[in-house]
Amino acid sequence: MPTAAGLKRKSFFVDTRTLRRARKALGVATDAEAVRRAVERVAEMEAFWRFMARTRGRLKPGSFRRP
């Protein structure tokens, strides 16, 4: 999780049912944490898909180690 210095206050409208589903899916207790984690996941997935597009057809099975 980012430090308090890296957080910025935002105000927006969110569908309550969707937010409740996100909290449950992410396993968090608060709305704020659900929004933060959801935004982080979107950014991570975007980076993942950029990586996949860059390496399409060039990675061989076993060519890198698991962390």
Foldseek 3Di string as FASTA:
>chain_A
DDDPVPDDDDDDDDDPVVLVVLCVVVVHDDSVVSVVVVVVVVVVVVVVVVVCVVCPPPDDVPPDDDD
